[in-house]
Amino acid sequence: MSKIVIALFLSIMIWSCDLKQKTVRLRGELRNFGTEVFMSKGTPEGVLLKDGITIRPESNNLFEITFELDKPSYFRLGRNTLYLSPGDDIYIECDYNDPKAAKFSGKGADACFYLCAKPFPKGGSFLNAGEMIKDDPDLQTVQKRLKDKIEKRLKELEETPNLSENFKKLEKGRIKFGAVNTLFSYAGYASWIKKLTGEEAAKMAKEAKIYFNKDIQEYLKGGGDACYLNLDVYRDICSSAIEFIGTENVDEEVLEYIKSNELIYYLSSKGPVEEVKETKRKILCELKSEEYKEIVHKAFEKYKPLLAGQPAPQLGFRNKDGKEFKLSDFKGKNLVIDIWATWCGPCVQESPYFEMLADKYKNQNIEFIAISIDSNKVGWEKYLEKHTKKTKQYITNRTEFSAYRIHGIPRFMVIDKDGLIVDVFAPRPTDNRLSEMIDRCLKDESSIEN
């Protein structure tokens, strides 16, 4: 065998081994997830750009995927958080409705199992959506209960085998920042439990902030390290935490992330309108990192297909009987779409106004339809049985809206009779600007016909 052949063979072997070391394999069963599951990536860039991996389980809920991963990263799978490293091979049994009962086995499973008991930032972390203080304890008792939970979580971390030092550092940070989030969230949950007025709630928040100040300072020690941007709870509190840490004690990347995140959140709420573009120009002048400038450019690039006058991306949905519909089925009629879910409070509040708007234009060439992104079809059906709707009601998997960049609901969209976008970030029905938009749409149609 010639030296050239041997060298080529060795190169292929090295390349193959390197590829295998970077590959992650996940397989198992996903129950109550729907036909498509988006596993979002929890790195700062992944969060800002809404990157991730789409899983399409088979009809029996089984799935298997492989993908390349350059470095250990957190991922969000339904209501479970995974920590995946290059070379992991994990078997998963996961139920969307019962995240704490998830089972993991294989290489990399221990970190994922530990994360099953992770407190949710949106639930006030250790407050557990108010469960910790439902008996209305005094502030000293709240402190004691929180410290007990911290100690318990730290012990679980130490007793979990096969964890990397990097993972342990991040998770110790998560526990500390979860404690801060608990203290930040306390006043809101306590006010809700006590049924306080706005003035009373504000007074309580001020008193709680003073009382917990020392604890917050203690928990935030070392909280300026940019590595913690990989934690959802840190990303949630970092803007507020800087008040205690001081900008001089925070890595520049944290400040860059905060600016970029505020801009991209503005973009996801309003769309690429002129006022958002003007804010982009301002922020780009302030950003020092070329990496974050590039992230901002990439984020705006994703919204170009959603500008007014562009063809509305295709969309599939079903009625209560399971009949399939497409957006193109409504071509020839102007269309106003309400994207909502039964669990979304603001969505439910807007619904009666959407119905009234539909009634106002019932004799015009315009259709009002509501599309739910509920993962529980039975729950959606039961809700509609109790709440009569005159508008057409449909349901779909949230991933159907991926092209529309849906990152929060309620969301309203107006599409003209030719299937072109009027505004897919339209005002809510409670805002008169939606009626004005519809009037202009119908007027333009009338002038064209004449």
Protein backbone atom coordinates (compact mmCIF):
# COMPACT_ATOMS: atom_id res chain seq x y z
CA MET A 1 0.00 0.00 0.00
CA SER A 2 1.52 3.35 -1.04
CA LYS A 3 2.22 6.14 1.43
CA ILE A 4 -0.39 8.33 -0.32
CA VAL A 5 -3.10 5.68 0.09
CA ILE A 6 -2.16 5.15 3.75
CA ALA A 7 -2.23 8.93 4.41
CA LEU A 8 -5.62 9.23 2.70
CA PHE A 9 -6.97 6.30 4.70
CA LEU A 10 -5.74 7.82 7.98
CA SER A 11 -7.23 11.20 7.07
CA ILE A 12 -10.62 9.62 6.41
CA MET A 13 -10.43 7.72 9.71
CA ILE A 14 -9.54 10.88 11.65
CA TRP A 15 -12.32 12.84 9.93
CA SER A 16 -14.81 10.05 10.65
CA CYS A 17 -13.83 9.89 14.34
CA ASP A 18 -14.00 13.68 14.67
CA LEU A 19 -17.48 13.73 13.09
CA LYS A 20 -18.67 10.96 15.43
CA GLN A 21 -17.38 12.86 18.46
CA LYS A 22 -19.38 15.93 17.39
CA THR A 23 -22.57 13.97 16.70
CA VAL A 24 -25.46 13.78 19.16
CA ARG A 25 -28.06 11.04 18.85
CA LEU A 26 -31.45 11.33 20.55
CA ARG A 27 -34.17 8.70 20.32
CA GLY A 28 -37.17 7.59 22.30
CA GLU A 29 -40.80 8.53 22.82
CA LEU A 30 -42.46 11.95 23.00
CA ARG A 31 -46.02 11.88 24.31
CA ASN A 32 -48.53 14.77 23.96
CA PHE A 33 -46.15 16.81 21.82
CA GLY A 34 -47.86 17.02 18.43
CA THR A 35 -46.65 16.08 14.97
CA GLU A 36 -43.70 18.50 15.00
CA VAL A 37 -41.54 19.41 17.97
CA PHE A 38 -39.13 22.32 17.94
CA MET A 39 -36.19 21.80 20.29
CA SER A 40 -34.84 25.31 20.85
CA LYS A 41 -31.16 25.94 21.48
CA GLY A 42 -30.29 27.75 24.71
CA THR A 43 -27.04 29.48 23.75
CA PRO A 44 -27.19 33.31 23.62
CA GLU A 45 -27.04 33.25 19.81
CA GLY A 46 -29.56 30.41 19.63
CA VAL A 47 -32.01 32.32 21.84
CA LEU A 48 -31.65 35.59 19.92
CA LEU A 49 -32.03 33.92 16.53
CA LYS A 50 -34.63 31.37 17.72
CA ASP A 51 -32.47 28.52 16.43
CA GLY A 52 -33.02 24.88 17.17
CA ILE A 53 -33.84 21.46 15.78
CA THR A 54 -37.19 20.18 14.53
CA ILE A 55 -38.22 16.67 15.56
CA ARG A 56 -41.01 14.86 13.71
CA PRO A 57 -42.16 11.89 15.80
CA GLU A 58 -43.78 8.95 14.05
CA SER A 59 -47.47 8.14 14.57
CA ASN A 60 -46.55 5.95 17.57
CA ASN A 61 -44.69 8.94 19.16
CA LEU A 62 -41.28 7.35 18.58
CA PHE A 63 -38.43 9.40 17.12
CA GLU A 64 -34.73 9.31 16.35
CA ILE A 65 -32.51 12.20 15.28
CA THR A 66 -28.80 12.86 14.94
CA PHE A 67 -27.14 16.24 14.59
CA GLU A 68 -23.75 17.86 14.97
CA LEU A 69 -22.89 19.90 18.06
CA ASP A 70 -19.63 21.81 18.51
CA LYS A 71 -19.85 22.41 22.26
CA PRO A 72 -22.07 21.49 25.24
CA SER A 73 -25.36 23.41 25.08
CA TYR A 74 -28.75 23.58 26.73
CA PHE A 75 -31.86 22.80 24.68
CA ARG A 76 -35.54 23.21 25.49
CA LEU A 77 -37.73 20.19 24.65
CA GLY A 78 -41.32 21.03 25.54
CA ARG A 79 -41.17 21.88 29.25
CA ASN A 80 -37.98 19.89 29.79
CA THR A 81 -34.47 21.31 29.60
CA LEU A 82 -31.71 19.11 28.18
CA TYR A 83 -27.96 19.57 28.44
CA LEU A 84 -26.28 17.96 25.46
CA SER A 85 -22.59 17.49 24.72
CA PRO A 86 -20.85 16.35 21.51
CA GLY A 87 -20.89 12.54 21.43
CA ASP A 88 -24.01 12.11 23.61
CA ASP A 89 -26.31 9.18 22.82
CA ILE A 90 -29.50 9.42 24.89
CA TYR A 91 -32.76 7.48 24.99
CA ILE A 92 -35.65 9.73 26.11
CA GLU A 93 -39.17 9.09 27.37
CA CYS A 94 -40.87 12.45 27.78
CA ASP A 95 -44.48 13.56 28.32
CA TYR A 96 -45.19 17.23 27.59
CA ASN A 97 -47.79 17.30 30.37
CA ASP A 98 -45.50 15.76 33.01
CA PRO A 99 -41.93 17.05 32.55
CA LYS A 100 -40.71 15.86 35.97
CA ALA A 101 -41.50 12.24 35.05
CA ALA A 102 -39.13 12.23 32.05
CA LYS A 103 -36.70 9.31 31.79
CA PHE A 104 -33.23 9.37 30.27
CA SER A 105 -30.65 6.66 29.69
CA GLY A 106 -27.37 6.42 27.81
CA LYS A 107 -24.34 8.68 27.47
CA GLY A 108 -25.17 12.19 28.72
CA ALA A 109 -28.39 11.12 30.48
CA ASP A 110 -27.45 12.16 34.03
CA ALA A 111 -27.34 15.91 33.34
CA CYS A 112 -30.73 15.74 31.63
CA PHE A 113 -32.21 13.78 34.52
CA TYR A 114 -30.93 16.34 37.04
CA LEU A 115 -32.61 19.11 35.02
CA CYS A 116 -36.04 17.45 35.34
CA ALA A 117 -36.46 19.17 38.73
CA LYS A 118 -35.25 22.55 37.46
CA PRO A 119 -37.53 25.34 38.75
CA PHE A 120 -39.15 27.48 36.05
CA PRO A 121 -38.13 31.16 35.82
CA LYS A 122 -41.60 32.11 34.54
CA GLY A 123 -43.09 30.46 37.63
CA GLY A 124 -41.00 32.64 39.93
CA SER A 125 -38.36 29.87 40.15
CA PHE A 126 -38.46 28.42 43.71
CA LEU A 127 -41.82 30.10 44.34
CA ASN A 128 -43.27 27.42 42.04
CA ALA A 129 -46.00 29.74 40.72
CA GLY A 130 -46.81 30.87 44.29
CA GLU A 131 -47.04 27.40 45.82
CA MET A 132 -44.21 28.15 48.27
CA ILE A 133 -46.07 31.12 49.80
CA LYS A 134 -49.73 30.14 49.42
CA ASP A 135 -50.09 30.14 53.24
CA ASP A 136 -48.94 33.81 53.26
CA PRO A 137 -45.75 33.46 55.36
CA ASP A 138 -43.83 36.44 56.75
CA LEU A 139 -40.63 37.56 55.02
CA GLN A 140 -38.35 35.77 57.45
CA THR A 141 -40.12 32.48 56.74
CA VAL A 142 -39.82 33.11 53.00
CA GLN A 143 -36.05 33.51 53.47
CA LYS A 144 -35.84 30.27 55.45
CA ARG A 145 -37.87 28.27 52.93
CA LEU A 146 -35.78 29.60 50.07
CA LYS A 147 -32.51 28.65 51.78
CA ASP A 148 -33.87 25.14 52.40
CA LYS A 149 -34.70 24.75 48.73
CA ILE A 150 -31.26 26.02 47.72
CA GLU A 151 -29.54 23.51 50.00
CA LYS A 152 -31.68 20.69 48.69
CA ARG A 153 -30.92 21.57 45.08
CA LEU A 154 -27.19 21.88 45.73
CA LYS A 155 -27.20 18.46 47.38
CA GLU A 156 -28.99 16.94 44.37
CA LEU A 157 -26.36 18.48 42.11
CA GLU A 158 -23.48 17.03 44.13
CA GLU A 159 -25.09 13.59 44.28
CA THR A 160 -25.74 13.35 40.54
CA PRO A 161 -22.96 11.31 38.84
CA ASN A 162 -21.12 11.94 35.56
CA LEU A 163 -21.48 15.73 35.50
CA SER A 164 -18.81 17.94 33.94
CA GLU A 165 -17.24 20.78 35.91
CA ASN A 166 -18.66 23.27 33.41
CA PHE A 167 -22.17 21.92 33.97
CA LYS A 168 -21.73 22.10 37.76
CA LYS A 169 -20.58 25.71 37.54
CA LEU A 170 -23.56 26.67 35.40
CA GLU A 171 -26.04 24.82 37.59
CA LYS A 172 -24.68 26.35 40.79
CA GLY A 173 -25.21 29.66 39.04
CA ARG A 174 -28.75 28.63 38.10
CA ILE A 175 -29.53 27.91 41.77
CA LYS A 176 -28.22 31.32 42.86
CA PHE A 177 -29.99 33.22 40.09
CA GLY A 178 -33.13 31.18 40.66
CA ALA A 179 -33.03 32.44 44.25
CA VAL A 180 -32.69 36.03 43.00
CA ASN A 181 -35.60 35.48 40.62
CA THR A 182 -37.61 34.12 43.56
CA LEU A 183 -36.99 37.31 45.56
CA PHE A 184 -37.65 39.50 42.52
CA SER A 185 -40.95 37.66 41.91
CA TYR A 186 -42.10 37.43 45.53
CA ALA A 187 -44.04 40.71 45.67
CA GLY A 188 -46.04 39.94 42.53
CA TYR A 189 -47.13 36.50 43.70
CA ALA A 190 -47.76 37.68 47.27
CA SER A 191 -49.90 40.56 46.02
CA TRP A 192 -51.93 38.12 43.93
CA ILE A 193 -52.40 35.76 46.90
CA LYS A 194 -53.37 38.62 49.22
CA LYS A 195 -55.54 40.25 46.50
CA LEU A 196 -53.89 43.62 47.07
CA THR A 197 -54.74 46.84 45.23
CA GLY A 198 -52.16 48.40 42.92
CA GLU A 199 -51.08 50.89 45.58
CA GLU A 200 -50.79 48.19 48.24
CA ALA A 201 -48.82 45.95 45.87
CA ALA A 202 -46.37 48.76 45.07
CA LYS A 203 -45.80 49.37 48.78
CA MET A 204 -45.20 45.66 49.38
CA ALA A 205 -42.74 45.46 46.48
CA LYS A 206 -40.74 48.36 47.90
CA GLU A 207 -40.64 46.83 51.39
CA ALA A 208 -39.67 43.39 50.03
CA LYS A 209 -36.85 44.87 47.94
CA ILE A 210 -35.37 46.57 51.01
CA TYR A 211 -35.77 43.48 53.18
CA PHE A 212 -34.25 41.07 50.64
CA ASN A 213 -31.50 43.43 49.45
CA LYS A 214 -28.69 41.72 51.38
CA ASP A 215 -29.70 38.25 50.15
CA ILE A 216 -29.92 39.44 46.55
CA GLN A 217 -26.44 40.95 46.78
CA GLU A 218 -25.10 37.68 48.17
CA TYR A 219 -26.72 35.47 45.55
CA LEU A 220 -25.51 37.71 42.72
CA LYS A 221 -21.80 37.44 43.59
CA GLY A 222 -19.93 36.51 40.44
CA GLY A 223 -23.07 37.16 38.41
CA GLY A 224 -21.30 39.23 35.80
CA ASP A 225 -19.77 36.23 34.02
CA ALA A 226 -21.05 35.99 30.43
CA CYS A 227 -21.05 32.18 30.58
CA TYR A 228 -24.28 32.44 32.58
CA LEU A 229 -26.06 33.77 29.49
CA ASN A 230 -26.57 30.07 28.69
CA LEU A 231 -29.09 29.93 31.58
CA ASP A 232 -32.69 30.97 30.95
CA VAL A 233 -33.11 32.33 34.48
CA TYR A 234 -30.00 34.50 34.16
CA ARG A 235 -31.15 35.89 30.83
CA ASP A 236 -34.48 36.74 32.46
CA ILE A 237 -32.99 38.66 35.39
CA CYS A 238 -29.69 40.04 34.07
CA SER A 239 -31.09 43.48 33.18
CA SER A 240 -32.55 43.93 36.67
CA ALA A 241 -29.54 42.29 38.35
CA ILE A 242 -27.11 44.87 36.97
CA GLU A 243 -28.60 47.39 39.41
CA PHE A 244 -27.10 45.27 42.20
CA ILE A 245 -23.95 44.02 40.42
CA GLY A 246 -22.93 47.30 38.78
CA THR A 247 -22.07 47.58 35.07
CA GLU A 248 -18.37 47.77 35.95
CA ASN A 249 -18.59 44.22 37.35
CA VAL A 250 -20.37 42.74 34.34
CA ASP A 251 -18.70 41.22 31.27
CA GLU A 252 -19.13 43.39 28.19
CA GLU A 253 -20.87 40.48 26.43
CA VAL A 254 -23.71 40.58 28.99
CA LEU A 255 -24.34 44.25 28.16
CA GLU A 256 -24.15 43.49 24.43
CA TYR A 257 -26.63 40.64 24.86
CA ILE A 258 -29.09 42.85 26.75
CA LYS A 259 -29.05 45.54 24.04
CA SER A 260 -29.39 42.98 21.25
CA ASN A 261 -32.16 41.12 23.05
CA GLU A 262 -34.20 44.28 23.65
CA LEU A 263 -33.93 45.18 19.97
CA ILE A 264 -34.81 41.69 18.71
CA TYR A 265 -37.73 41.45 21.15
CA TYR A 266 -38.96 44.79 19.76
CA LEU A 267 -38.62 43.34 16.25
CA SER A 268 -40.54 40.16 17.17
CA SER A 269 -43.37 42.26 18.66
CA LYS A 270 -43.72 44.93 15.97
CA GLY A 271 -42.16 43.41 12.89
CA PRO A 272 -39.59 45.16 10.65
CA VAL A 273 -41.42 48.51 10.59
CA GLU A 274 -39.57 51.81 10.22
CA GLU A 275 -39.52 52.64 13.93
CA VAL A 276 -37.89 49.26 14.65
CA LYS A 277 -35.35 49.79 11.86
CA GLU A 278 -34.47 53.18 13.31
CA THR A 279 -33.87 51.55 16.70
CA LYS A 280 -31.68 48.98 14.94
CA ARG A 281 -29.50 51.72 13.45
CA LYS A 282 -29.07 53.27 16.88
CA ILE A 283 -28.22 49.98 18.61
CA LEU A 284 -25.74 48.95 15.92
CA CYS A 285 -23.82 52.15 16.61
CA GLU A 286 -23.68 51.24 20.30
CA LEU A 287 -22.65 47.59 19.93
CA LYS A 288 -18.92 46.92 20.12
CA SER A 289 -18.98 43.20 19.35
CA GLU A 290 -18.92 42.17 15.69
CA GLU A 291 -20.54 38.90 16.75
CA TYR A 292 -23.60 40.63 18.17
CA LYS A 293 -23.81 43.01 15.22
CA GLU A 294 -23.92 39.95 12.96
CA ILE A 295 -26.62 38.36 15.13
CA VAL A 296 -28.75 41.51 14.80
CA HIS A 297 -28.34 41.51 11.02
CA LYS A 298 -29.28 37.82 10.84
CA ALA A 299 -32.36 38.40 13.00
CA PHE A 300 -33.65 41.17 10.72
CA GLU A 301 -32.89 39.12 7.63
CA LYS A 302 -35.32 36.46 8.84
CA TYR A 303 -38.17 38.99 8.79
CA LYS A 304 -37.78 40.14 5.17
CA PRO A 305 -40.34 37.60 3.84
CA LEU A 306 -42.92 39.12 6.22
CA LEU A 307 -42.90 42.64 4.79
CA ALA A 308 -46.13 44.11 3.38
CA GLY A 309 -46.78 43.01 -0.19
CA GLN A 310 -44.94 39.68 0.15
CA PRO A 311 -46.85 36.43 -0.47
CA ALA A 312 -48.16 35.09 2.84
CA PRO A 313 -46.28 31.88 3.73
CA GLN A 314 -48.40 28.74 3.45
CA LEU A 315 -50.15 27.58 6.58
CA GLY A 316 -52.12 24.44 7.44
CA PHE A 317 -54.81 24.03 10.11
CA ARG A 318 -57.80 21.83 11.03
CA ASN A 319 -61.35 22.35 12.24
CA LYS A 320 -62.99 20.45 15.12
CA ASP A 321 -63.88 17.58 12.79
CA GLY A 322 -60.26 17.19 11.74
CA LYS A 323 -60.79 18.52 8.21
CA GLU A 324 -57.60 20.02 6.80
CA PHE A 325 -57.49 23.59 5.50
CA LYS A 326 -54.78 25.77 3.96
CA LEU A 327 -54.37 29.50 3.84
CA SER A 328 -54.78 29.35 0.06
CA ASP A 329 -58.33 28.00 0.54
CA PHE A 330 -59.35 31.55 1.48
CA LYS A 331 -57.83 33.24 -1.57
CA GLY A 332 -60.28 35.72 -3.07
CA LYS A 333 -61.26 36.99 0.38
CA ASN A 334 -59.43 39.40 2.63
CA LEU A 335 -58.47 37.61 5.80
CA VAL A 336 -58.01 38.59 9.45
CA ILE A 337 -56.42 35.89 11.61
CA ASP A 338 -56.41 35.62 15.39
CA ILE A 339 -53.59 33.38 16.67
CA TRP A 340 -54.39 32.37 20.23
CA ALA A 341 -54.55 29.60 22.86
CA THR A 342 -56.96 28.75 25.65
CA TRP A 343 -54.20 29.15 28.27
CA CYS A 344 -53.32 32.69 27.12
CA GLY A 345 -55.07 35.31 29.28
CA PRO A 346 -54.60 38.28 26.89
CA CYS A 347 -55.85 36.08 24.01
CA VAL A 348 -59.07 35.32 25.87
CA GLN A 349 -59.53 39.02 26.67
CA GLU A 350 -59.17 40.02 23.01
CA SER A 351 -61.52 37.33 21.71
CA PRO A 352 -64.86 39.15 22.29
CA TYR A 353 -63.52 42.22 20.44
CA PHE A 354 -62.39 40.01 17.57
CA GLU A 355 -65.92 38.60 17.42
CA MET A 356 -67.43 42.10 17.41
CA LEU A 357 -65.08 43.16 14.62
CA ALA A 358 -66.12 40.12 12.58
CA ASP A 359 -69.76 41.05 13.07
CA LYS A 360 -69.08 44.64 11.98
CA TYR A 361 -67.65 43.47 8.63
CA LYS A 362 -69.93 40.46 8.14
CA ASN A 363 -71.32 41.77 4.83
CA GLN A 364 -67.91 42.65 3.38
CA ASN A 365 -65.46 40.56 1.36
CA ILE A 366 -63.48 39.64 4.43
CA GLU A 367 -63.18 36.53 6.61
CA PHE A 368 -62.26 36.43 10.30
CA ILE A 369 -60.75 33.15 11.49
CA ALA A 370 -59.22 32.11 14.81
CA ILE A 371 -56.39 29.57 14.86
CA SER A 372 -55.45 28.02 18.20
CA ILE A 373 -51.95 26.72 18.92
CA ASP A 374 -53.15 24.61 21.86
CA SER A 375 -51.24 21.34 22.09
CA ASN A 376 -54.26 19.78 23.83
CA LYS A 377 -57.00 19.44 21.18
CA VAL A 378 -59.50 18.03 23.69
CA GLY A 379 -58.98 21.01 26.00
CA TRP A 380 -59.51 23.36 23.05
CA GLU A 381 -62.74 21.59 22.08
CA LYS A 382 -64.06 21.76 25.65
CA TYR A 383 -63.27 25.45 25.82
CA LEU A 384 -65.22 26.11 22.62
CA GLU A 385 -68.18 24.14 23.98
CA LYS A 386 -68.37 26.58 26.90
CA HIS A 387 -67.58 29.72 24.91
CA THR A 388 -69.69 30.20 21.80
CA LYS A 389 -67.86 31.71 18.82
CA LYS A 390 -69.37 32.95 15.56
CA THR A 391 -66.02 33.13 13.80
CA LYS A 392 -64.53 30.01 12.24
CA GLN A 393 -62.33 28.14 14.71
CA TYR A 394 -59.29 26.09 13.79
CA ILE A 395 -56.33 24.48 15.53
CA THR A 396 -52.77 23.75 14.42
CA ASN A 397 -49.33 22.86 15.66
CA ARG A 398 -47.31 25.93 16.62
CA THR A 399 -44.55 24.86 14.25
CA GLU A 400 -46.91 25.59 11.34
CA PHE A 401 -46.32 29.27 12.12
CA SER A 402 -42.52 29.02 12.01
CA ALA A 403 -42.32 31.16 8.87
CA TYR A 404 -44.37 33.86 10.62
CA ARG A 405 -41.91 34.18 13.54
CA ILE A 406 -44.56 33.67 16.23
CA HIS A 407 -42.84 34.30 19.56
CA GLY A 408 -45.79 35.52 21.57
CA ILE A 409 -49.57 35.52 21.44
CA PRO A 410 -52.12 36.90 20.87
CA ARG A 411 -50.98 37.79 17.39
CA PHE A 412 -53.18 39.18 14.63
CA MET A 413 -52.55 39.11 10.89
CA VAL A 414 -54.24 40.74 7.90
CA ILE A 415 -53.83 39.17 4.44
CA ASP A 416 -55.45 40.51 1.28
CA LYS A 417 -57.63 38.64 -1.20
CA ASP A 418 -54.62 37.86 -3.41
CA GLY A 419 -52.81 36.13 -0.56
CA LEU A 420 -50.39 39.01 -0.03
CA ILE A 421 -49.37 40.31 3.37
CA VAL A 422 -51.00 43.50 4.58
CA ASP A 423 -49.61 43.21 8.11
CA VAL A 424 -48.71 40.04 10.00
CA PHE A 425 -47.99 42.11 13.13
CA ALA A 426 -51.37 43.83 13.06
CA PRO A 427 -52.81 45.76 16.04
CA ARG A 428 -55.14 43.97 18.44
CA PRO A 429 -58.93 44.25 18.01
CA THR A 430 -59.07 46.54 21.05
CA ASP A 431 -56.89 48.98 19.07
CA ASN A 432 -58.80 51.16 16.56
CA ARG A 433 -55.87 50.93 14.17
CA LEU A 434 -56.92 47.39 13.22
CA SER A 435 -60.32 48.67 11.99
CA GLU A 436 -58.54 51.44 10.09
CA MET A 437 -56.24 48.88 8.47
CA ILE A 438 -59.20 46.74 7.42
CA ASP A 439 -61.01 49.79 6.02
CA ARG A 440 -57.96 50.71 3.92
CA CYS A 441 -57.68 47.15 2.68
CA LEU A 442 -61.32 47.06 1.59
CA LYS A 443 -61.09 50.56 0.09
CA ASP A 444 -58.04 49.61 -1.98
CA GLU A 445 -59.90 46.55 -3.23
CA SER A 446 -62.91 48.67 -4.19
CA SER A 447 -60.81 51.25 -6.05
CA ILE A 448 -59.06 48.50 -8.03
CA GLU A 449 -62.39 46.94 -9.05
CA ASN A 450 -63.73 50.35 -10.18
